Amino acid sequence: MAITAAMVKELRERTGAGMMECKNALVESNGDLDAAAEQMRISGLAKADKKSGRIAAEGVIATETAADGKAVAMVEVNCETDFVAKGDDFTGFAKAAAAAVLEHNPADVEALGALASGDKTLEEVRQVLVSKLGENIQVRRFIRRDMQNGTAGVYMHGESIGVVTEVSGTEALARDIAMHVAASRPVCISADEVPADVLAQEKKILVAEAAESGKPAEIIEKMVEGRMRKYLADITLLGQPFVKNPDQTVEKLLKSEDAQAHFFARFEVGEGIEKKTENFAEEVMAQVKGD
C-alpha cells in the first residue's frame, strides 16, 4: 500500500513522533494507522523504560495560579540537558502538568500521570516526549496550595527556581517574601518548626566546638546559646535579614505590614540530584547509538 503524506501527517498528529518514524511505522503496518500508532506506543514505552535510569538533573519549574488567586500549583519536570529544557515541547509539557495539578490536586506523581491531557494521559505524553527528544524525562515533584489564610505570592527566577508563598498581606508583599525565599533558602518559617533532631545535632556540634576553647562550662553554655540563636536566625524565614532591606528582618517587615507568613515552598531544578559528568565525545556517540 502506498504511504501518502496525509497518512504520515495524521500519524504525527496522533503520536507526536518524527516524520521518518511515522513513515517507517506505516510501511511496517502496511498503511494501517491504528496498528502503526499502537506499535509506536509500545516502542515508546520500551524507549522510555530504557532511558528511565539515566540521570535527569536539568529541567524547569512551572507554576499555575487559579483565576481567583485562591490556589497555586508548582511542578518540577526534569530532563538530561539544558538544550531540551529550553524546547517548546518540554516546557509545554511542564505547563500542562502544572495545570493538571491545579485542576485535579492528584495524590502523587503516579496519579498525576494518569490524568488526561488532550487525547492522552500525561504519562503517555511523557513517553512520547522521551521517544521524540531522546532523553529521560521525569515529573519529579509538585505541590498544590489552597490559600486559606492569606494571599498567594509566586516568584520565578527564570525557570530554574520557583517559590510559592501564602502571606496574610498584600499580593506585592507575598511576592516579595517569595523572592526572599528564592534568594535566602530558609528551611522553615520559625524556630518552632525546626525538627528536634536537627536542633539536637546542631547543638551537639556547637558544644564540641565550644569545648575546644577550654573555657569554663558556664561560659561554654552561653557561647552555645548565642550560636544556636544565630543558627536559628540563619535558617528561619522570620529570622533572616530581608533580601531587599538587610537592615530589617523578615519578621520585622511582616509586623510593620501587620501581616503573617503561613506557608512557603521552594523548588530548584535538580537540587539534591547528583549530576553525572560525561565526556562530550562519548555523549555524542551515545546519542548516535540511541542509548
C-alpha atoms as a PDB file:
ATOM      1  CA  MET A   1       0.000   0.000   0.000  1.00  0.00           C
ATOM      2  CA  ALA A   2       1.291   3.457  -0.918  1.00  0.00           C
ATOM      3  CA  ILE A   3       2.099   5.647   2.085  1.00  0.00           C
ATOM      4  CA  THR A   4       0.849   9.187   1.456  1.00  0.00           C
ATOM      5  CA  ALA A   5       1.960  12.451   3.052  1.00  0.00           C
ATOM      6  CA  ALA A   6      -1.553  12.824   4.512  1.00  0.00           C
ATOM      7  CA  MET A   7      -1.221   9.475   6.309  1.00  0.00           C
ATOM      8  CA  VAL A   8       2.153  10.459   7.745  1.00  0.00           C
ATOM      9  CA  LYS A   9       0.721  13.816   8.850  1.00  0.00           C
ATOM     10  CA  GLU A  10      -2.218  12.149  10.610  1.00  0.00           C
ATOM     11  CA  LEU A  11       0.029   9.684  12.426  1.00  0.00           C
ATOM     12  CA  ARG A  12       2.346  12.509  13.506  1.00  0.00           C
ATOM     13  CA  GLU A  13      -0.620  14.395  14.945  1.00  0.00           C
ATOM     14  CA  ARG A  14      -1.771  11.288  16.819  1.00  0.00           C
ATOM     15  CA  THR A  15       1.623  10.312  18.223  1.00  0.00           C
ATOM     16  CA  GLY A  16       3.772  13.451  18.270  1.00  0.00           C
ATOM     17  CA  ALA A  17       6.633  11.427  16.759  1.00  0.00           C
ATOM     18  CA  GLY A  18       9.009  12.439  13.969  1.00  0.00           C
ATOM     19  CA  MET A  19       8.144  12.223  10.253  1.00  0.00           C
ATOM     20  CA  MET A  20      10.514   9.384   9.367  1.00  0.00           C
ATOM     21  CA  GLU A  21       9.494   7.365  12.425  1.00  0.00           C
ATOM     22  CA  CYS A  22       5.836   7.706  11.382  1.00  0.00           C
ATOM     23  CA  LYS A  23       6.574   6.792   7.790  1.00  0.00           C
ATOM     24  CA  ASN A  24       8.543   3.680   8.810  1.00  0.00           C
ATOM     25  CA  ALA A  25       5.752   2.601  11.168  1.00  0.00           C
ATOM     26  CA  LEU A  26       3.176   2.963   8.374  1.00  0.00           C
ATOM     27  CA  VAL A  27       5.328   0.953   5.995  1.00  0.00           C
ATOM     28  CA  GLU A  28       5.647  -1.830   8.585  1.00  0.00           C
ATOM     29  CA  SER A  29       1.884  -1.829   9.230  1.00  0.00           C
ATOM     30  CA  ASN A  30       1.069  -1.694   5.513  1.00  0.00           C
ATOM     31  CA  GLY A  31      -0.732   1.614   5.917  1.00  0.00           C
ATOM     32  CA  ASP A  32      -2.840   0.638   8.930  1.00  0.00           C
ATOM     33  CA  LEU A  33      -2.900   3.832  11.037  1.00  0.00           C
ATOM     34  CA  ASP A  34      -4.239   2.176  14.182  1.00  0.00           C
ATOM     35  CA  ALA A  35      -1.681  -0.629  14.052  1.00  0.00           C
ATOM     36  CA  ALA A  36       1.131   1.851  13.381  1.00  0.00           C
ATOM     37  CA  ALA A  37       0.051   4.038  16.311  1.00  0.00           C
ATOM     38  CA  GLU A  38      -0.132   1.039  18.652  1.00  0.00           C
ATOM     39  CA  GLN A  39       3.288  -0.218  17.597  1.00  0.00           C
ATOM     40  CA  MET A  40       4.762   3.236  18.144  1.00  0.00           C
ATOM     41  CA  ARG A  41       3.174   3.398  21.582  1.00  0.00           C
ATOM     42  CA  ILE A  42       4.766   0.060  22.503  1.00  0.00           C
ATOM     43  CA  SER A  43       8.089   1.223  21.077  1.00  0.00           C
ATOM     44  CA  GLY A  44       7.820   4.469  23.030  1.00  0.00           C
ATOM     45  CA  LEU A  45       7.233   2.551  26.254  1.00  0.00           C
ATOM     46  CA  ALA A  46      10.336   0.483  25.615  1.00  0.00           C
ATOM     47  CA  LYS A  47      12.440   3.556  24.880  1.00  0.00           C
ATOM     48  CA  ALA A  48      11.110   5.370  27.941  1.00  0.00           C
ATOM     49  CA  ASP A  49      11.890   2.384  30.142  1.00  0.00           C
ATOM     50  CA  LYS A  50      15.416   2.128  28.710  1.00  0.00           C
ATOM     51  CA  LYS A  51      16.126   5.805  29.385  1.00  0.00           C
ATOM     52  CA  SER A  52      14.472   5.951  32.822  1.00  0.00           C
ATOM     53  CA  GLY A  53      17.711   5.052  34.627  1.00  0.00           C
ATOM     54  CA  ARG A  54      19.673   7.953  33.146  1.00  0.00           C
ATOM     55  CA  ILE A  55      20.342  10.997  35.316  1.00  0.00           C
ATOM     56  CA  ALA A  56      17.908  13.846  34.652  1.00  0.00           C
ATOM     57  CA  ALA A  57      19.098  16.885  36.613  1.00  0.00           C
ATOM     58  CA  GLU A  58      18.172  19.684  34.189  1.00  0.00           C
ATOM     59  CA  GLY A  59      14.643  20.875  33.510  1.00  0.00           C
ATOM     60  CA  VAL A  60      12.175  23.567  34.510  1.00  0.00           C
ATOM     61  CA  ILE A  61       9.902  24.696  37.311  1.00  0.00           C
ATOM     62  CA  ALA A  62       6.372  25.566  36.175  1.00  0.00           C
ATOM     63  CA  THR A  63       3.593  27.246  38.146  1.00  0.00           C
ATOM     64  CA  GLU A  64      -0.118  27.741  37.622  1.00  0.00           C
ATOM     65  CA  THR A  65      -2.373  30.050  39.622  1.00  0.00           C
ATOM     66  CA  ALA A  66      -6.169  29.819  39.824  1.00  0.00           C
ATOM     67  CA  ALA A  67      -8.106  32.682  38.231  1.00  0.00           C
ATOM     68  CA  ASP A  68      -9.354  33.814  41.650  1.00  0.00           C
ATOM     69  CA  GLY A  69      -5.866  33.562  43.172  1.00  0.00           C
ATOM     70  CA  LYS A  70      -7.049  31.102  45.794  1.00  0.00           C
ATOM     71  CA  ALA A  71      -4.861  28.166  44.746  1.00  0.00           C
ATOM     72  CA  VAL A  72      -1.399  27.716  43.230  1.00  0.00           C
ATOM     73  CA  ALA A  73       0.361  24.676  41.768  1.00  0.00           C
ATOM     74  CA  MET A  74       4.093  24.242  41.201  1.00  0.00           C
ATOM     75  CA  VAL A  75       5.850  21.342  39.490  1.00  0.00           C
ATOM     76  CA  GLU A  76       9.420  20.305  38.694  1.00  0.00           C
ATOM     77  CA  VAL A  77       9.986  18.391  35.466  1.00  0.00           C
ATOM     78  CA  ASN A  78      13.472  17.074  34.717  1.00  0.00           C
ATOM     79  CA  CYS A  79      15.410  16.132  31.592  1.00  0.00           C
ATOM     80  CA  GLU A  80      19.063  15.421  30.856  1.00  0.00           C
ATOM     81  CA  THR A  81      20.243  18.568  29.065  1.00  0.00           C
ATOM     82  CA  ASP A  82      19.636  22.305  29.221  1.00  0.00           C
ATOM     83  CA  PHE A  83      19.060  22.254  25.449  1.00  0.00           C
ATOM     84  CA  VAL A  84      15.971  20.055  25.777  1.00  0.00           C
ATOM     85  CA  ALA A  85      14.781  22.014  28.835  1.00  0.00           C
ATOM     86  CA  LYS A  86      14.502  25.159  26.688  1.00  0.00           C
ATOM     87  CA  GLY A  87      12.423  23.495  23.961  1.00  0.00           C
ATOM     88  CA  ASP A  88       8.748  24.310  23.456  1.00  0.00           C
ATOM     89  CA  ASP A  89       7.690  20.644  23.653  1.00  0.00           C
ATOM     90  CA  PHE A  90       9.315  20.201  27.051  1.00  0.00           C
ATOM     91  CA  THR A  91       8.155  23.487  28.579  1.00  0.00           C
ATOM     92  CA  GLY A  92       4.662  22.870  27.199  1.00  0.00           C
ATOM     93  CA  PHE A  93       4.565  19.509  28.966  1.00  0.00           C
ATOM     94  CA  ALA A  94       5.666  21.124  32.243  1.00  0.00           C
ATOM     95  CA  LYS A  95       2.938  23.755  31.954  1.00  0.00           C
ATOM     96  CA  ALA A  96       0.337  21.073  31.207  1.00  0.00           C
ATOM     97  CA  ALA A  97       1.479  19.151  34.291  1.00  0.00           C
ATOM     98  CA  ALA A  98       1.169  22.269  36.485  1.00  0.00           C
ATOM     99  CA  ALA A  99      -2.305  22.977  35.107  1.00  0.00           C
ATOM    100  CA  ALA A 100      -3.370  19.392  35.839  1.00  0.00           C
ATOM    101  CA  VAL A 101      -2.078  19.622  39.413  1.00  0.00           C
ATOM    102  CA  LEU A 102      -4.019  22.848  39.939  1.00  0.00           C
ATOM    103  CA  GLU A 103      -7.257  21.459  38.495  1.00  0.00           C
ATOM    104  CA  HIS A 104      -7.251  17.940  39.935  1.00  0.00           C
ATOM    105  CA  ASN A 105      -4.978  18.002  43.019  1.00  0.00           C
ATOM    106  CA  PRO A 106      -3.601  14.463  42.446  1.00  0.00           C
ATOM    107  CA  ALA A 107      -2.261  12.461  45.373  1.00  0.00           C
ATOM    108  CA  ASP A 108       1.172  11.764  43.874  1.00  0.00           C
ATOM    109  CA  VAL A 109       3.219  11.718  40.674  1.00  0.00           C
ATOM    110  CA  GLU A 110       1.703   8.425  39.562  1.00  0.00           C
ATOM    111  CA  ALA A 111      -1.821   9.821  39.948  1.00  0.00           C
ATOM    112  CA  LEU A 112      -0.767  12.936  38.036  1.00  0.00           C
ATOM    113  CA  GLY A 113       0.469  10.778  35.168  1.00  0.00           C
ATOM    114  CA  ALA A 114      -2.933   9.093  34.928  1.00  0.00           C
ATOM    115  CA  LEU A 115      -4.729  12.406  34.302  1.00  0.00           C
ATOM    116  CA  ALA A 116      -5.889  13.298  30.806  1.00  0.00           C
ATOM    117  CA  SER A 117      -4.007  15.776  28.634  1.00  0.00           C
ATOM    118  CA  GLY A 118      -5.846  16.055  25.343  1.00  0.00           C
ATOM    119  CA  ASP A 119      -6.480  12.569  23.958  1.00  0.00           C
ATOM    120  CA  LYS A 120      -3.654  11.022  26.022  1.00  0.00           C
ATOM    121  CA  THR A 121      -2.734  10.761  29.666  1.00  0.00           C
ATOM    122  CA  LEU A 122       0.152  12.877  30.934  1.00  0.00           C
ATOM    123  CA  GLU A 123       2.201   9.707  31.324  1.00  0.00           C
ATOM    124  CA  GLU A 124       1.597   8.824  27.662  1.00  0.00           C
ATOM    125  CA  VAL A 125       2.579  12.361  26.661  1.00  0.00           C
ATOM    126  CA  ARG A 126       5.762  11.969  28.710  1.00  0.00           C
ATOM    127  CA  GLN A 127       6.582   8.699  26.940  1.00  0.00           C
ATOM    128  CA  VAL A 128       6.069  10.314  23.539  1.00  0.00           C
ATOM    129  CA  LEU A 129       8.457  13.104  24.551  1.00  0.00           C
ATOM    130  CA  VAL A 130      11.076  10.586  25.669  1.00  0.00           C
ATOM    131  CA  SER A 131      10.864   8.937  22.264  1.00  0.00           C
ATOM    132  CA  LYS A 132      10.833  12.225  20.354  1.00  0.00           C
ATOM    133  CA  LEU A 133      13.541  14.099  22.292  1.00  0.00           C
ATOM    134  CA  GLY A 134      15.749  11.114  23.133  1.00  0.00           C
ATOM    135  CA  GLU A 135      16.186  11.936  26.810  1.00  0.00           C
ATOM    136  CA  ASN A 136      14.979  10.699  30.174  1.00  0.00           C
ATOM    137  CA  ILE A 137      12.093  12.987  31.156  1.00  0.00           C
ATOM    138  CA  GLN A 138      10.502  12.774  34.591  1.00  0.00           C
ATOM    139  CA  VAL A 139       7.993  14.671  36.684  1.00  0.00           C
ATOM    140  CA  ARG A 140       9.943  14.803  39.934  1.00  0.00           C
ATOM    141  CA  ARG A 141       7.625  16.557  42.393  1.00  0.00           C
ATOM    142  CA  PHE A 142       4.783  19.027  42.765  1.00  0.00           C
ATOM    143  CA  ILE A 143       2.810  20.967  45.353  1.00  0.00           C
ATOM    144  CA  ARG A 144      -0.668  22.496  45.342  1.00  0.00           C
ATOM    145  CA  ARG A 145      -1.584  25.130  47.919  1.00  0.00           C
ATOM    146  CA  ASP A 146      -5.087  26.369  48.677  1.00  0.00           C
ATOM    147  CA  MET A 147      -4.946  29.870  50.148  1.00  0.00           C
ATOM    148  CA  GLN A 148      -6.965  29.687  53.361  1.00  0.00           C
ATOM    149  CA  ASN A 149      -5.333  32.384  55.488  1.00  0.00           C
ATOM    150  CA  GLY A 150      -3.744  34.789  53.074  1.00  0.00           C
ATOM    151  CA  THR A 151      -2.651  35.871  49.629  1.00  0.00           C
ATOM    152  CA  ALA A 152      -0.656  33.849  47.122  1.00  0.00           C
ATOM    153  CA  GLY A 153       2.819  35.005  46.217  1.00  0.00           C
ATOM    154  CA  VAL A 154       4.646  33.459  43.257  1.00  0.00           C
ATOM    155  CA  TYR A 155       8.212  34.217  42.231  1.00  0.00           C
ATOM    156  CA  MET A 156      10.161  32.623  39.393  1.00  0.00           C
ATOM    157  CA  HIS A 157      13.905  33.042  38.903  1.00  0.00           C
ATOM    158  CA  GLY A 158      13.984  32.211  35.225  1.00  0.00           C
ATOM    159  CA  GLU A 159      12.608  28.685  35.027  1.00  0.00           C
ATOM    160  CA  SER A 160      15.145  27.136  37.395  1.00  0.00           C
ATOM    161  CA  ILE A 161      13.830  28.332  40.791  1.00  0.00           C
ATOM    162  CA  GLY A 162      10.194  28.676  41.776  1.00  0.00           C
ATOM    163  CA  VAL A 163       8.654  29.783  45.068  1.00  0.00           C
ATOM    164  CA  VAL A 164       5.060  29.813  46.290  1.00  0.00           C
ATOM    165  CA  THR A 165       4.091  31.642  49.476  1.00  0.00           C
ATOM    166  CA  GLU A 166       0.936  32.326  51.448  1.00  0.00           C
ATOM    167  CA  VAL A 167       1.019  35.623  53.345  1.00  0.00           C
ATOM    168  CA  SER A 168      -1.782  37.465  55.113  1.00  0.00           C
ATOM    169  CA  GLY A 169      -0.966  40.743  53.435  1.00  0.00           C
ATOM    170  CA  THR A 170      -0.886  42.363  50.019  1.00  0.00           C
ATOM    171  CA  GLU A 171      -0.047  40.497  46.832  1.00  0.00           C
ATOM    172  CA  ALA A 172       3.081  42.637  46.488  1.00  0.00           C
ATOM    173  CA  LEU A 173       4.237  41.628  49.977  1.00  0.00           C
ATOM    174  CA  ALA A 174       3.518  37.957  49.296  1.00  0.00           C
ATOM    175  CA  ARG A 175       5.636  38.159  46.126  1.00  0.00           C
ATOM    176  CA  ASP A 176       8.443  39.983  47.964  1.00  0.00           C
ATOM    177  CA  ILE A 177       8.525  37.200  50.550  1.00  0.00           C
ATOM    178  CA  ALA A 178       8.610  34.645  47.714  1.00  0.00           C
ATOM    179  CA  MET A 179      11.563  36.488  46.157  1.00  0.00           C
ATOM    180  CA  HIS A 180      13.318  36.486  49.529  1.00  0.00           C
ATOM    181  CA  VAL A 181      12.789  32.725  49.895  1.00  0.00           C
ATOM    182  CA  ALA A 182      14.239  32.178  46.413  1.00  0.00           C
ATOM    183  CA  ALA A 183      17.389  34.092  47.336  1.00  0.00           C
ATOM    184  CA  SER A 184      17.902  33.138  51.001  1.00  0.00           C
ATOM    185  CA  ARG A 185      16.760  29.475  51.124  1.00  0.00           C
ATOM    186  CA  PRO A 186      15.128  29.370  54.589  1.00  0.00           C
ATOM    187  CA  VAL A 187      14.429  25.883  55.944  1.00  0.00           C
ATOM    188  CA  CYS A 188      11.181  26.796  57.703  1.00  0.00           C
ATOM    189  CA  ILE A 189       9.159  29.819  58.793  1.00  0.00           C
ATOM    190  CA  SER A 190      10.009  29.997  62.503  1.00  0.00           C
ATOM    191  CA  ALA A 191      12.254  28.379  65.118  1.00  0.00           C
ATOM    192  CA  ASP A 192       9.259  26.427  66.447  1.00  0.00           C
ATOM    193  CA  GLU A 193       9.138  24.486  63.170  1.00  0.00           C
ATOM    194  CA  VAL A 194      12.742  23.281  63.196  1.00  0.00           C
ATOM    195  CA  PRO A 195      12.745  19.499  63.824  1.00  0.00           C
ATOM    196  CA  ALA A 196      14.012  18.485  67.264  1.00  0.00           C
ATOM    197  CA  ASP A 197      16.596  16.081  65.822  1.00  0.00           C
ATOM    198  CA  VAL A 198      18.056  18.866  63.646  1.00  0.00           C
ATOM    199  CA  LEU A 199      18.373  21.128  66.687  1.00  0.00           C
ATOM    200  CA  ALA A 200      19.947  18.360  68.762  1.00  0.00           C
ATOM    201  CA  GLN A 201      22.524  17.583  66.084  1.00  0.00           C
ATOM    202  CA  GLU A 202      23.461  21.243  65.615  1.00  0.00           C
ATOM    203  CA  LYS A 203      23.758  21.775  69.370  1.00  0.00           C
ATOM    204  CA  LYS A 204      25.986  18.704  69.651  1.00  0.00           C
ATOM    205  CA  ILE A 205      28.333  20.143  67.036  1.00  0.00           C
ATOM    206  CA  LEU A 206      28.393  23.573  68.656  1.00  0.00           C
ATOM    207  CA  VAL A 207      29.084  22.128  72.119  1.00  0.00           C
ATOM    208  CA  ALA A 208      32.022  20.134  70.752  1.00  0.00           C
ATOM    209  CA  GLU A 209      33.428  23.226  69.010  1.00  0.00           C
ATOM    210  CA  ALA A 210      32.992  25.423  72.100  1.00  0.00           C
ATOM    211  CA  ALA A 211      34.592  22.803  74.378  1.00  0.00           C
ATOM    212  CA  GLU A 212      37.836  23.148  72.427  1.00  0.00           C
ATOM    213  CA  SER A 213      38.164  26.719  73.736  1.00  0.00           C
ATOM    214  CA  GLY A 214      38.982  25.356  77.193  1.00  0.00           C
ATOM    215  CA  LYS A 215      36.654  27.869  78.843  1.00  0.00           C
ATOM    216  CA  PRO A 216      34.522  27.092  81.945  1.00  0.00           C
ATOM    217  CA  ALA A 217      31.280  25.154  81.480  1.00  0.00           C
ATOM    218  CA  GLU A 218      29.030  28.152  82.200  1.00  0.00           C
ATOM    219  CA  ILE A 219      30.849  30.223  79.555  1.00  0.00           C
ATOM    220  CA  ILE A 220      30.599  27.367  77.056  1.00  0.00           C
ATOM    221  CA  GLU A 221      26.854  27.151  77.717  1.00  0.00           C
ATOM    222  CA  LYS A 222      26.415  30.860  76.941  1.00  0.00           C
ATOM    223  CA  MET A 223      28.558  30.517  73.815  1.00  0.00           C
ATOM    224  CA  VAL A 224      26.394  27.639  72.586  1.00  0.00           C
ATOM    225  CA  GLU A 225      23.171  29.541  73.339  1.00  0.00           C
ATOM    226  CA  GLY A 226      24.399  32.518  71.334  1.00  0.00           C
ATOM    227  CA  ARG A 227      25.476  30.379  68.397  1.00  0.00           C
ATOM    228  CA  MET A 228      22.185  28.478  68.430  1.00  0.00           C
ATOM    229  CA  ARG A 229      20.294  31.784  68.211  1.00  0.00           C
ATOM    230  CA  LYS A 230      22.407  32.764  65.219  1.00  0.00           C
ATOM    231  CA  TYR A 231      21.887  29.350  63.616  1.00  0.00           C
ATOM    232  CA  LEU A 232      18.103  29.623  64.003  1.00  0.00           C
ATOM    233  CA  ALA A 233      18.133  33.147  62.578  1.00  0.00           C
ATOM    234  CA  ASP A 234      20.102  31.882  59.570  1.00  0.00           C
ATOM    235  CA  ILE A 235      17.729  29.039  58.703  1.00  0.00           C
ATOM    236  CA  THR A 236      14.308  30.508  59.524  1.00  0.00           C
ATOM    237  CA  LEU A 237      12.354  32.877  57.312  1.00  0.00           C
ATOM    238  CA  LEU A 238      11.412  35.184  60.188  1.00  0.00           C
ATOM    239  CA  GLY A 239      14.981  35.422  61.465  1.00  0.00           C
ATOM    240  CA  GLN A 240      16.690  36.222  58.177  1.00  0.00           C
ATOM    241  CA  PRO A 241      17.570  39.768  57.043  1.00  0.00           C
ATOM    242  CA  PHE A 242      15.071  40.761  54.352  1.00  0.00           C
ATOM    243  CA  VAL A 243      16.790  40.497  50.992  1.00  0.00           C
ATOM    244  CA  LYS A 244      15.559  43.917  49.786  1.00  0.00           C
ATOM    245  CA  ASN A 245      16.486  45.633  53.074  1.00  0.00           C
ATOM    246  CA  PRO A 246      19.129  43.686  55.061  1.00  0.00           C
ATOM    247  CA  ASP A 247      18.817  46.118  57.982  1.00  0.00           C
ATOM    248  CA  GLN A 248      15.369  44.658  58.672  1.00  0.00           C
ATOM    249  CA  THR A 249      14.475  41.039  59.412  1.00  0.00           C
ATOM    250  CA  VAL A 250      11.559  39.406  57.624  1.00  0.00           C
ATOM    251  CA  GLU A 251       9.789  39.172  60.981  1.00  0.00           C
ATOM    252  CA  LYS A 252      10.023  42.952  61.467  1.00  0.00           C
ATOM    253  CA  LEU A 253       8.904  43.559  57.883  1.00  0.00           C
ATOM    254  CA  LEU A 254       5.804  41.434  58.400  1.00  0.00           C
ATOM    255  CA  LYS A 255       4.991  43.152  61.711  1.00  0.00           C
ATOM    256  CA  SER A 256       5.296  46.560  60.071  1.00  0.00           C
ATOM    257  CA  GLU A 257       2.730  45.429  57.491  1.00  0.00           C
ATOM    258  CA  ASP A 258       0.517  43.765  60.140  1.00  0.00           C
ATOM    259  CA  ALA A 259       0.995  40.544  58.161  1.00  0.00           C
ATOM    260  CA  GLN A 260       1.892  36.900  58.760  1.00  0.00           C
ATOM    261  CA  ALA A 261       3.680  34.249  56.721  1.00  0.00           C
ATOM    262  CA  HIS A 262       1.725  30.993  56.687  1.00  0.00           C
ATOM    263  CA  PHE A 263       3.486  28.864  54.072  1.00  0.00           C
ATOM    264  CA  PHE A 264       6.288  28.694  51.558  1.00  0.00           C
ATOM    265  CA  ALA A 265       7.633  26.105  49.144  1.00  0.00           C
ATOM    266  CA  ARG A 266      10.840  26.482  47.153  1.00  0.00           C
ATOM    267  CA  PHE A 267      11.766  24.276  44.182  1.00  0.00           C
ATOM    268  CA  GLU A 268      15.138  24.472  42.447  1.00  0.00           C
ATOM    269  CA  VAL A 269      15.787  22.377  39.360  1.00  0.00           C
ATOM    270  CA  GLY A 270      17.983  19.385  40.092  1.00  0.00           C
ATOM    271  CA  GLU A 271      18.621  20.162  43.777  1.00  0.00           C
ATOM    272  CA  GLY A 272      19.737  17.020  45.566  1.00  0.00           C
ATOM    273  CA  ILE A 273      20.387  15.124  42.322  1.00  0.00           C
ATOM    274  CA  GLU A 274      23.966  14.016  41.807  1.00  0.00           C
ATOM    275  CA  LYS A 275      24.906  15.155  38.328  1.00  0.00           C
ATOM    276  CA  LYS A 276      26.979  12.936  36.106  1.00  0.00           C
ATOM    277  CA  THR A 277      29.894  14.459  34.211  1.00  0.00           C
ATOM    278  CA  GLU A 278      30.364  12.889  30.811  1.00  0.00           C
ATOM    279  CA  ASN A 279      32.966  13.229  28.112  1.00  0.00           C
ATOM    280  CA  PHE A 280      31.315  15.278  25.333  1.00  0.00           C
ATOM    281  CA  ALA A 281      32.548  12.967  22.555  1.00  0.00           C
ATOM    282  CA  GLU A 282      31.238   9.935  24.447  1.00  0.00           C
ATOM    283  CA  GLU A 283      27.895  11.692  24.963  1.00  0.00           C
ATOM    284  CA  VAL A 284      27.564  12.376  21.224  1.00  0.00           C
ATOM    285  CA  MET A 285      28.392   8.748  20.403  1.00  0.00           C
ATOM    286  CA  ALA A 286      25.830   7.559  22.951  1.00  0.00           C
ATOM    287  CA  GLN A 287      23.167   9.656  21.206  1.00  0.00           C
ATOM    288  CA  VAL A 288      24.229   8.369  17.781  1.00  0.00           C
ATOM    289  CA  LYS A 289      23.897   4.792  19.045  1.00  0.00           C
ATOM    290  CA  GLY A 290      20.489   5.591  20.538  1.00  0.00           C
ATOM    291  CA  ASP A 291      21.427   4.706  24.135  1.00  0.00           C
END
